C-alpha cells in the first residue's frame, strides 16, 4: 500500500459511502499520513532547518546547535503539519482523527483484522494466493455491525480501565 493507492481507495470506495460530517479514525501508517510541506528531519542540513523557521516566522538563535534547532522544530511542527487526506476530507466536511503512535490496541480495525485472519486461517486449505484473496473478501464482507459494535465496546471498556 502507498499513499497514491490509499487515496484512490478513499475517493473511490470510502468517500462515496460516508455520511456527511463523518469522523475518520486513522492509524499511523505512512500512507495515511502523507504531508504537504514536510518539516525538516533530524538529518536535514542546518540551512534547511533555518529556512523552515524563517518560512514560518519562528524565532531562533543563530548560535543554536543543529540538535537544539531540531528540538525547536519538534516543538513547532504540529501546528504546521498538513496531511493530504485531512485536506481532502475537510473539503467534504469530514474530520480525521489520528490514533497515538504505537497503540494498535486502540484501533478497532486491528481487532477486526484479527477476527478475519482467524476465519481465513480456519478455511485456507489450498494455500494459494487467489484462494486467500477470495477468503479475505468473503470474510471482510461477512463482518457484521454487531461485531464492530462489540469491538468498539470492548475498546471503550479497556480505555476506561487504564
N, C-alpha and C. Protein backbone atom coordinates (compact mmCIF):
# COMPACT_ATOMS: atom_id res chain seq x y z
N UNK A 1 0.86 -1.18 0.00
CA UNK A 1 0.00 0.00 0.00
C UNK A 1 0.90 1.23 0.00
N UNK A 2 0.46 2.23 -0.71
CA UNK A 2 1.14 3.53 -0.68
C UNK A 2 0.06 4.61 -0.69
N UNK A 3 0.50 5.86 -0.56
CA UNK A 3 -0.47 6.94 -0.44
C UNK A 3 -1.32 7.10 -1.70
N UNK A 4 -0.73 6.91 -2.87
CA UNK A 4 -1.49 7.06 -4.11
C UNK A 4 -2.63 6.05 -4.17
N UNK A 5 -2.34 4.79 -3.86
CA UNK A 5 -3.38 3.76 -3.87
C UNK A 5 -4.40 3.99 -2.75
N UNK A 6 -3.92 4.42 -1.60
CA UNK A 6 -4.83 4.70 -0.49
C UNK A 6 -5.80 5.82 -0.86
N UNK A 7 -5.27 6.86 -1.49
CA UNK A 7 -6.14 7.99 -1.86
C UNK A 7 -7.15 7.56 -2.94
N UNK A 8 -6.73 6.69 -3.86
CA UNK A 8 -7.68 6.16 -4.86
C UNK A 8 -8.81 5.40 -4.16
N UNK A 9 -8.44 4.56 -3.19
CA UNK A 9 -9.45 3.80 -2.44
C UNK A 9 -10.36 4.76 -1.67
N UNK A 10 -9.75 5.74 -1.04
CA UNK A 10 -10.51 6.72 -0.26
C UNK A 10 -11.54 7.41 -1.14
N UNK A 11 -11.12 7.88 -2.31
CA UNK A 11 -12.02 8.62 -3.18
C UNK A 11 -13.02 7.71 -3.89
N UNK A 12 -12.59 6.50 -4.22
CA UNK A 12 -13.47 5.62 -4.97
C UNK A 12 -14.39 4.76 -4.13
N UNK A 13 -13.97 4.40 -2.94
CA UNK A 13 -14.74 3.46 -2.12
C UNK A 13 -15.28 4.07 -0.82
N UNK A 14 -14.41 4.74 -0.07
CA UNK A 14 -14.85 5.22 1.24
C UNK A 14 -15.72 6.46 1.15
N UNK A 15 -15.21 7.50 0.51
CA UNK A 15 -15.93 8.78 0.48
C UNK A 15 -17.35 8.65 -0.07
N UNK A 16 -17.56 7.91 -1.16
CA UNK A 16 -18.93 7.80 -1.66
C UNK A 16 -19.90 7.13 -0.67
N UNK A 17 -19.36 6.43 0.32
CA UNK A 17 -20.21 5.73 1.29
C UNK A 17 -20.28 6.42 2.65
N UNK A 18 -19.65 7.57 2.79
CA UNK A 18 -19.68 8.29 4.06
C UNK A 18 -20.93 9.15 4.18
N UNK A 19 -21.44 9.22 5.39
CA UNK A 19 -22.49 10.20 5.66
C UNK A 19 -21.80 11.55 5.84
N UNK A 20 -22.55 12.63 5.69
CA UNK A 20 -21.93 13.95 5.82
C UNK A 20 -21.42 14.15 7.25
N UNK A 21 -20.37 14.91 7.35
CA UNK A 21 -19.73 15.25 8.63
C UNK A 21 -19.29 14.00 9.39
N UNK A 22 -18.68 13.07 8.67
CA UNK A 22 -18.17 11.84 9.29
C UNK A 22 -16.83 12.11 9.96
N UNK A 23 -16.48 11.24 10.88
CA UNK A 23 -15.17 11.26 11.53
C UNK A 23 -14.45 9.98 11.12
N UNK A 24 -13.26 10.13 10.56
CA UNK A 24 -12.48 9.00 10.10
C UNK A 24 -11.28 8.86 11.01
N UNK A 25 -11.12 7.70 11.62
CA UNK A 25 -10.01 7.44 12.53
C UNK A 25 -8.95 6.67 11.76
N UNK A 26 -7.72 7.18 11.74
CA UNK A 26 -6.64 6.51 11.04
C UNK A 26 -5.50 6.22 12.00
N UNK A 27 -4.76 5.16 11.67
CA UNK A 27 -3.59 4.85 12.47
C UNK A 27 -2.40 5.59 11.88
N UNK A 28 -1.21 5.19 12.23
CA UNK A 28 -0.03 5.94 11.82
C UNK A 28 0.72 5.31 10.66
N UNK A 29 0.00 4.53 9.84
CA UNK A 29 0.62 4.01 8.63
C UNK A 29 1.06 5.19 7.77
N UNK A 30 2.22 5.06 7.15
CA UNK A 30 2.77 6.19 6.38
C UNK A 30 1.83 6.65 5.28
N UNK A 31 1.10 5.73 4.65
CA UNK A 31 0.21 6.14 3.56
C UNK A 31 -1.00 6.92 4.05
N UNK A 32 -1.34 6.86 5.33
CA UNK A 32 -2.41 7.69 5.89
C UNK A 32 -1.90 9.10 6.18
N UNK A 33 -0.60 9.25 6.24
CA UNK A 33 -0.03 10.47 6.78
C UNK A 33 0.87 11.24 5.81
N UNK A 34 0.61 11.12 4.53
CA UNK A 34 1.37 11.91 3.55
C UNK A 34 1.12 13.38 3.84
N UNK A 35 2.19 14.15 3.87
CA UNK A 35 2.09 15.55 4.25
C UNK A 35 2.44 16.48 3.11
N UNK A 36 1.83 17.66 3.16
CA UNK A 36 2.25 18.77 2.31
C UNK A 36 3.29 19.54 3.12
N UNK A 37 4.25 20.11 2.48
CA UNK A 37 5.24 20.98 3.15
C UNK A 37 5.82 20.35 4.40
N UNK A 38 6.45 19.20 4.24
CA UNK A 38 7.02 18.48 5.38
C UNK A 38 8.05 19.32 6.13
N UNK A 39 8.15 19.09 7.40
CA UNK A 39 9.15 19.76 8.23
C UNK A 39 10.51 19.06 8.06
N UNK A 40 11.60 19.75 8.34
CA UNK A 40 12.92 19.11 8.26
C UNK A 40 13.06 18.00 9.30
N UNK A 41 13.77 16.96 8.94
CA UNK A 41 14.04 15.87 9.87
C UNK A 41 15.35 16.15 10.60
N UNK A 42 15.71 15.27 11.51
CA UNK A 42 16.97 15.44 12.23
C UNK A 42 18.17 15.30 11.31
N UNK A 43 17.97 14.69 10.13
CA UNK A 43 19.06 14.51 9.17
C UNK A 43 19.21 15.68 8.20
N UNK A 44 18.30 16.64 8.26
CA UNK A 44 18.34 17.78 7.34
C UNK A 44 19.56 18.66 7.64
N UNK A 45 19.99 19.38 6.65
CA UNK A 45 21.07 20.34 6.84
C UNK A 45 20.56 21.50 7.70
N UNK A 46 21.49 22.10 8.41
CA UNK A 46 21.14 23.22 9.29
C UNK A 46 20.46 24.34 8.49
N UNK A 47 20.94 24.58 7.27
CA UNK A 47 20.35 25.62 6.43
C UNK A 47 18.89 25.35 6.12
N UNK A 48 18.54 24.08 5.90
CA UNK A 48 17.14 23.73 5.63
C UNK A 48 16.28 23.98 6.87
N UNK A 49 16.84 23.72 8.03
CA UNK A 49 16.10 23.98 9.28
C UNK A 49 15.85 25.48 9.44
N UNK A 50 16.90 26.28 9.20
CA UNK A 50 16.77 27.74 9.33
C UNK A 50 15.75 28.28 8.32
N UNK A 51 15.76 27.74 7.10
CA UNK A 51 14.79 28.15 6.09
C UNK A 51 13.37 27.86 6.57
N UNK A 52 13.15 26.68 7.17
CA UNK A 52 11.83 26.30 7.68
C UNK A 52 11.37 27.28 8.76
N UNK A 53 12.30 27.65 9.67
CA UNK A 53 11.94 28.61 10.72
C UNK A 53 11.57 29.96 10.12
N UNK A 54 12.39 30.42 9.17
CA UNK A 54 12.11 31.72 8.54
C UNK A 54 10.78 31.70 7.80
N UNK A 55 10.51 30.61 7.09
CA UNK A 55 9.26 30.47 6.33
C UNK A 55 8.03 30.57 7.24
N UNK A 56 8.15 30.05 8.47
CA UNK A 56 7.02 30.04 9.39
C UNK A 56 7.09 31.16 10.44
N UNK A 57 8.10 32.03 10.32
CA UNK A 57 8.21 33.14 11.25
C UNK A 57 8.52 32.72 12.67
N UNK A 58 9.28 31.65 12.81
CA UNK A 58 9.64 31.14 14.14
C UNK A 58 11.01 31.68 14.52
N UNK A 59 11.10 32.24 15.70
CA UNK A 59 12.36 32.83 16.16
C UNK A 59 13.30 31.74 16.65
N UNK A 60 14.58 31.93 16.36
CA UNK A 60 15.64 31.02 16.79
C UNK A 60 16.90 31.85 16.98
N UNK A 61 17.85 31.26 17.64
CA UNK A 61 19.13 31.94 17.86
C UNK A 61 20.16 31.41 16.87
N UNK A 62 20.96 32.29 16.36
CA UNK A 62 21.98 31.89 15.39
C UNK A 62 23.07 31.03 16.01
N UNK A 63 23.14 31.00 17.34
CA UNK A 63 24.18 30.17 17.99
C UNK A 63 23.66 28.79 18.38
N UNK A 64 22.40 28.50 18.06
CA UNK A 64 21.84 27.19 18.41
C UNK A 64 22.50 26.09 17.59
N UNK A 65 22.71 24.94 18.23
CA UNK A 65 23.25 23.79 17.53
C UNK A 65 22.15 23.15 16.69
N UNK A 66 22.56 22.26 15.80
CA UNK A 66 21.59 21.57 14.96
C UNK A 66 20.62 20.77 15.83
N UNK A 67 21.10 20.13 16.88
CA UNK A 67 20.24 19.36 17.79
C UNK A 67 19.23 20.27 18.48
N UNK A 68 19.65 21.45 18.89
CA UNK A 68 18.74 22.40 19.53
C UNK A 68 17.69 22.90 18.52
N UNK A 69 18.14 23.14 17.30
CA UNK A 69 17.20 23.57 16.26
C UNK A 69 16.16 22.48 16.00
N UNK A 70 16.60 21.23 15.97
CA UNK A 70 15.65 20.15 15.71
C UNK A 70 14.65 20.03 16.87
N UNK A 71 15.09 20.22 18.09
CA UNK A 71 14.16 20.22 19.23
C UNK A 71 13.11 21.32 19.06
N UNK A 72 13.54 22.46 18.55
CA UNK A 72 12.62 23.57 18.31
C UNK A 72 11.63 23.22 17.18
N UNK A 73 12.12 22.52 16.16
CA UNK A 73 11.24 22.06 15.08
C UNK A 73 10.19 21.12 15.64
N UNK A 74 10.61 20.15 16.46
CA UNK A 74 9.65 19.19 17.03
C UNK A 74 8.59 19.89 17.86
N UNK A 75 8.98 20.96 18.53
CA UNK A 75 8.03 21.69 19.36
C UNK A 75 6.99 22.41 18.49
N UNK A 76 7.40 22.94 17.33
CA UNK A 76 6.51 23.74 16.50
C UNK A 76 5.83 22.97 15.37
N UNK A 77 6.35 21.80 15.02
CA UNK A 77 5.84 21.13 13.82
C UNK A 77 4.35 20.78 13.87
N UNK A 78 3.76 20.42 15.03
CA UNK A 78 2.33 20.06 15.00
C UNK A 78 1.42 21.16 14.43
N UNK A 79 1.75 22.41 14.68
CA UNK A 79 0.87 23.48 14.19
C UNK A 79 1.04 23.73 12.69
N UNK A 80 2.09 23.15 12.09
CA UNK A 80 2.31 23.35 10.66
C UNK A 80 2.13 22.09 9.84
N UNK A 81 1.80 20.98 10.48
CA UNK A 81 1.58 19.74 9.74
C UNK A 81 0.29 19.84 8.95
N UNK A 82 0.38 19.50 7.68
CA UNK A 82 -0.79 19.50 6.82
C UNK A 82 -0.83 18.15 6.12
N UNK A 83 -1.80 17.32 6.47
CA UNK A 83 -1.91 15.99 5.89
C UNK A 83 -2.84 16.01 4.69
N UNK A 84 -2.44 15.29 3.65
CA UNK A 84 -3.20 15.28 2.39
C UNK A 84 -4.63 14.83 2.59
N UNK A 85 -4.84 13.72 3.32
CA UNK A 85 -6.21 13.23 3.46
C UNK A 85 -7.06 14.15 4.34
N UNK A 86 -6.43 14.86 5.28
CA UNK A 86 -7.18 15.81 6.10
C UNK A 86 -7.78 16.90 5.23
N UNK A 87 -6.97 17.40 4.29
CA UNK A 87 -7.45 18.46 3.39
C UNK A 87 -8.57 17.94 2.49
N UNK A 88 -8.35 16.77 1.93
CA UNK A 88 -9.36 16.16 1.05
C UNK A 88 -10.69 15.98 1.78
N UNK A 89 -10.64 15.41 2.98
CA UNK A 89 -11.87 15.13 3.73
C UNK A 89 -12.49 16.40 4.32
N UNK A 90 -11.66 17.37 4.70
CA UNK A 90 -12.18 18.63 5.24
C UNK A 90 -13.00 19.37 4.20
N UNK A 91 -12.58 19.29 2.92
CA UNK A 91 -13.35 19.93 1.84
C UNK A 91 -14.77 19.37 1.76
N UNK A 92 -14.95 18.12 2.23
CA UNK A 92 -16.27 17.47 2.19
C UNK A 92 -17.00 17.60 3.52
N UNK A 93 -16.36 18.28 4.49
CA UNK A 93 -16.99 18.47 5.80
C UNK A 93 -16.70 17.34 6.78
N UNK A 94 -15.76 16.46 6.44
CA UNK A 94 -15.41 15.35 7.31
C UNK A 94 -14.15 15.67 8.11
N UNK A 95 -13.92 14.91 9.17
CA UNK A 95 -12.81 15.13 10.08
C UNK A 95 -11.97 13.87 10.19
N UNK A 96 -10.65 14.04 10.30
CA UNK A 96 -9.74 12.92 10.51
C UNK A 96 -9.17 13.01 11.92
N UNK A 97 -9.19 11.90 12.61
CA UNK A 97 -8.55 11.79 13.93
C UNK A 97 -7.47 10.72 13.81
N UNK A 98 -6.29 11.04 14.30
CA UNK A 98 -5.18 10.09 14.27
C UNK A 98 -5.00 9.44 15.63
N UNK A 99 -4.78 8.13 15.61
CA UNK A 99 -4.50 7.42 16.85
C UNK A 99 -3.10 7.76 17.33
N UNK A 100 -2.85 7.63 18.64
CA UNK A 100 -1.49 7.86 19.13
C UNK A 100 -0.53 6.84 18.50
N UNK A 101 0.73 7.21 18.40
CA UNK A 101 1.74 6.31 17.88
C UNK A 101 1.82 5.03 18.70
N UNK A 102 2.03 3.92 18.02
CA UNK A 102 2.29 2.63 18.65
C UNK A 102 1.19 2.17 19.59
N UNK A 103 -0.07 2.40 19.22
CA UNK A 103 -1.20 1.94 20.01
C UNK A 103 -2.20 1.17 19.16
N UNK A 104 -1.78 0.04 18.57
CA UNK A 104 -2.73 -0.73 17.77
C UNK A 104 -3.88 -1.28 18.62
N UNK A 105 -3.66 -1.36 19.94
CA UNK A 105 -4.72 -1.85 20.82
C UNK A 105 -5.88 -0.86 20.93
N UNK A 106 -5.69 0.38 20.47
CA UNK A 106 -6.77 1.35 20.49
C UNK A 106 -7.51 1.41 19.15
N UNK A 107 -7.08 0.60 18.21
CA UNK A 107 -7.59 0.68 16.85
C UNK A 107 -8.54 -0.49 16.58
N UNK A 108 -9.84 -0.21 16.45
CA UNK A 108 -10.80 -1.29 16.22
C UNK A 108 -10.49 -2.14 14.98
N UNK A 109 -9.93 -1.53 13.95
CA UNK A 109 -9.66 -2.30 12.73
C UNK A 109 -8.66 -3.41 13.01
N UNK A 110 -7.74 -3.20 13.94
CA UNK A 110 -6.77 -4.25 14.28
C UNK A 110 -7.49 -5.47 14.85
N UNK A 111 -8.51 -5.22 15.66
CA UNK A 111 -9.30 -6.33 16.22
C UNK A 111 -10.09 -7.04 15.12
N UNK A 112 -10.65 -6.27 14.20
CA UNK A 112 -11.41 -6.86 13.09
C UNK A 112 -10.47 -7.67 12.19
N UNK A 113 -9.27 -7.12 11.92
CA UNK A 113 -8.27 -7.87 11.16
C UNK A 113 -8.03 -9.22 11.82
N UNK A 114 -7.90 -9.23 13.15
CA UNK A 114 -7.67 -10.48 13.88
C UNK A 114 -8.79 -11.48 13.68
N UNK A 115 -10.04 -10.99 13.73
CA UNK A 115 -11.20 -11.87 13.51
C UNK A 115 -11.15 -12.45 12.10
N UNK A 116 -10.93 -11.59 11.12
CA UNK A 116 -10.91 -12.03 9.72
C UNK A 116 -9.76 -13.00 9.48
N UNK A 117 -8.58 -12.70 10.00
CA UNK A 117 -7.43 -13.60 9.79
C UNK A 117 -7.67 -14.97 10.40
N UNK A 118 -8.33 -15.02 11.55
CA UNK A 118 -8.65 -16.30 12.18
C UNK A 118 -9.60 -17.10 11.29
N UNK A 119 -10.60 -16.43 10.74
CA UNK A 119 -11.56 -17.10 9.85
C UNK A 119 -10.87 -17.60 8.57
N UNK A 120 -9.98 -16.80 8.02
CA UNK A 120 -9.26 -17.21 6.81
C UNK A 120 -8.39 -18.42 7.11
N UNK A 121 -7.66 -18.37 8.22
CA UNK A 121 -6.77 -19.48 8.58
C UNK A 121 -7.55 -20.78 8.75
N UNK A 122 -8.77 -20.70 9.29
CA UNK A 122 -9.58 -21.90 9.51
C UNK A 122 -10.05 -22.52 8.20
N UNK A 123 -10.18 -21.71 7.13
CA UNK A 123 -10.73 -22.21 5.86
C UNK A 123 -9.69 -22.34 4.75
N UNK A 124 -8.48 -21.87 5.00
CA UNK A 124 -7.45 -21.87 3.96
C UNK A 124 -6.77 -23.23 3.89
N UNK A 125 -7.18 -24.04 2.94
CA UNK A 125 -6.60 -25.38 2.81
C UNK A 125 -5.69 -25.50 1.60
N UNK A 126 -5.86 -24.63 0.61
CA UNK A 126 -5.07 -24.73 -0.62
C UNK A 126 -3.78 -23.92 -0.54
N UNK A 127 -3.75 -22.88 0.30
CA UNK A 127 -2.58 -22.01 0.46
C UNK A 127 -2.16 -21.38 -0.87
N UNK A 128 -3.15 -20.98 -1.65
CA UNK A 128 -2.90 -20.28 -2.91
C UNK A 128 -3.37 -18.84 -2.75
N UNK A 129 -2.61 -17.93 -3.34
CA UNK A 129 -2.91 -16.51 -3.20
C UNK A 129 -4.34 -16.18 -3.63
N UNK A 130 -4.79 -16.72 -4.73
CA UNK A 130 -6.14 -16.45 -5.22
C UNK A 130 -7.18 -16.89 -4.18
N UNK A 131 -6.98 -18.05 -3.57
CA UNK A 131 -7.91 -18.54 -2.55
C UNK A 131 -7.92 -17.64 -1.32
N UNK A 132 -6.73 -17.21 -0.89
CA UNK A 132 -6.64 -16.33 0.28
C UNK A 132 -7.33 -14.99 -0.02
N UNK A 133 -7.13 -14.47 -1.22
CA UNK A 133 -7.79 -13.23 -1.59
C UNK A 133 -9.31 -13.38 -1.57
N UNK A 134 -9.79 -14.48 -2.10
CA UNK A 134 -11.24 -14.72 -2.11
C UNK A 134 -11.77 -14.88 -0.69
N UNK A 135 -11.05 -15.62 0.14
CA UNK A 135 -11.46 -15.79 1.55
C UNK A 135 -11.46 -14.44 2.28
N UNK A 136 -10.46 -13.62 2.00
CA UNK A 136 -10.38 -12.30 2.64
C UNK A 136 -11.60 -11.45 2.26
N UNK A 137 -11.90 -11.41 0.98
CA UNK A 137 -13.05 -10.63 0.52
C UNK A 137 -14.35 -11.13 1.15
N UNK A 138 -14.52 -12.45 1.18
CA UNK A 138 -15.73 -13.03 1.76
C UNK A 138 -15.84 -12.71 3.24
N UNK A 139 -14.72 -12.85 3.95
CA UNK A 139 -14.77 -12.66 5.40
C UNK A 139 -14.87 -11.20 5.82
N UNK A 140 -14.28 -10.30 5.05
CA UNK A 140 -14.48 -8.88 5.36
C UNK A 140 -15.93 -8.50 5.11
N UNK A 141 -16.51 -9.01 4.04
CA UNK A 141 -17.92 -8.72 3.75
C UNK A 141 -18.84 -9.31 4.81
N UNK A 142 -18.39 -10.38 5.48
CA UNK A 142 -19.22 -11.05 6.47
C UNK A 142 -19.15 -10.43 7.87
N UNK A 143 -18.24 -9.47 8.07
CA UNK A 143 -18.15 -8.81 9.38
C UNK A 143 -19.43 -8.02 9.60
N UNK A 144 -20.08 -8.27 10.72
CA UNK A 144 -21.38 -7.65 10.98
C UNK A 144 -21.26 -6.36 11.78
N UNK A 145 -22.32 -5.59 11.77
CA UNK A 145 -22.37 -4.38 12.60
C UNK A 145 -22.26 -4.75 14.07
N UNK A 146 -22.82 -5.90 14.44
CA UNK A 146 -22.76 -6.35 15.83
C UNK A 146 -21.31 -6.63 16.25
N UNK A 147 -20.54 -7.23 15.33
CA UNK A 147 -19.12 -7.48 15.65
C UNK A 147 -18.36 -6.17 15.82
N UNK A 148 -18.61 -5.21 14.91
CA UNK A 148 -17.97 -3.89 15.04
C UNK A 148 -18.35 -3.25 16.37
N UNK A 149 -19.63 -3.30 16.71
CA UNK A 149 -20.11 -2.69 17.96
C UNK A 149 -19.45 -3.35 19.16
N UNK A 150 -19.32 -4.68 19.13
CA UNK A 150 -18.69 -5.40 20.23
C UNK A 150 -17.23 -5.00 20.40
N UNK A 151 -16.52 -4.87 19.29
CA UNK A 151 -15.12 -4.47 19.34
C UNK A 151 -15.01 -3.05 19.90
N UNK A 152 -15.86 -2.15 19.45
CA UNK A 152 -15.83 -0.77 19.94
C UNK A 152 -16.16 -0.70 21.42
N UNK A 153 -17.15 -1.50 21.87
CA UNK A 153 -17.49 -1.53 23.31
C UNK A 153 -16.31 -2.05 24.11
N UNK A 154 -15.67 -3.08 23.62
CA UNK A 154 -14.51 -3.66 24.31
C UNK A 154 -13.39 -2.63 24.45
N UNK A 155 -13.13 -1.89 23.38
CA UNK A 155 -12.08 -0.87 23.44
C UNK A 155 -12.46 0.27 24.38
N UNK A 156 -13.75 0.63 24.40
CA UNK A 156 -14.22 1.65 25.33
C UNK A 156 -13.99 1.22 26.78
N UNK A 157 -14.34 -0.04 27.08
CA UNK A 157 -14.12 -0.57 28.43
C UNK A 157 -12.64 -0.62 28.77
N UNK A 158 -11.82 -1.01 27.80
CA UNK A 158 -10.38 -1.08 28.03
C UNK A 158 -9.82 0.31 28.32
N UNK A 159 -10.27 1.32 27.56
CA UNK A 159 -9.78 2.68 27.76
C UNK A 159 -10.20 3.21 29.13
N UNK A 160 -11.41 2.86 29.58
CA UNK A 160 -11.88 3.35 30.88
C UNK A 160 -11.06 2.72 32.02
N UNK A 161 -10.59 1.49 31.83
CA UNK A 161 -9.89 0.78 32.90
C UNK A 161 -8.42 1.19 32.99
N UNK A 162 -7.90 1.91 31.98
CA UNK A 162 -6.49 2.29 32.02
C UNK A 162 -6.31 3.70 32.50
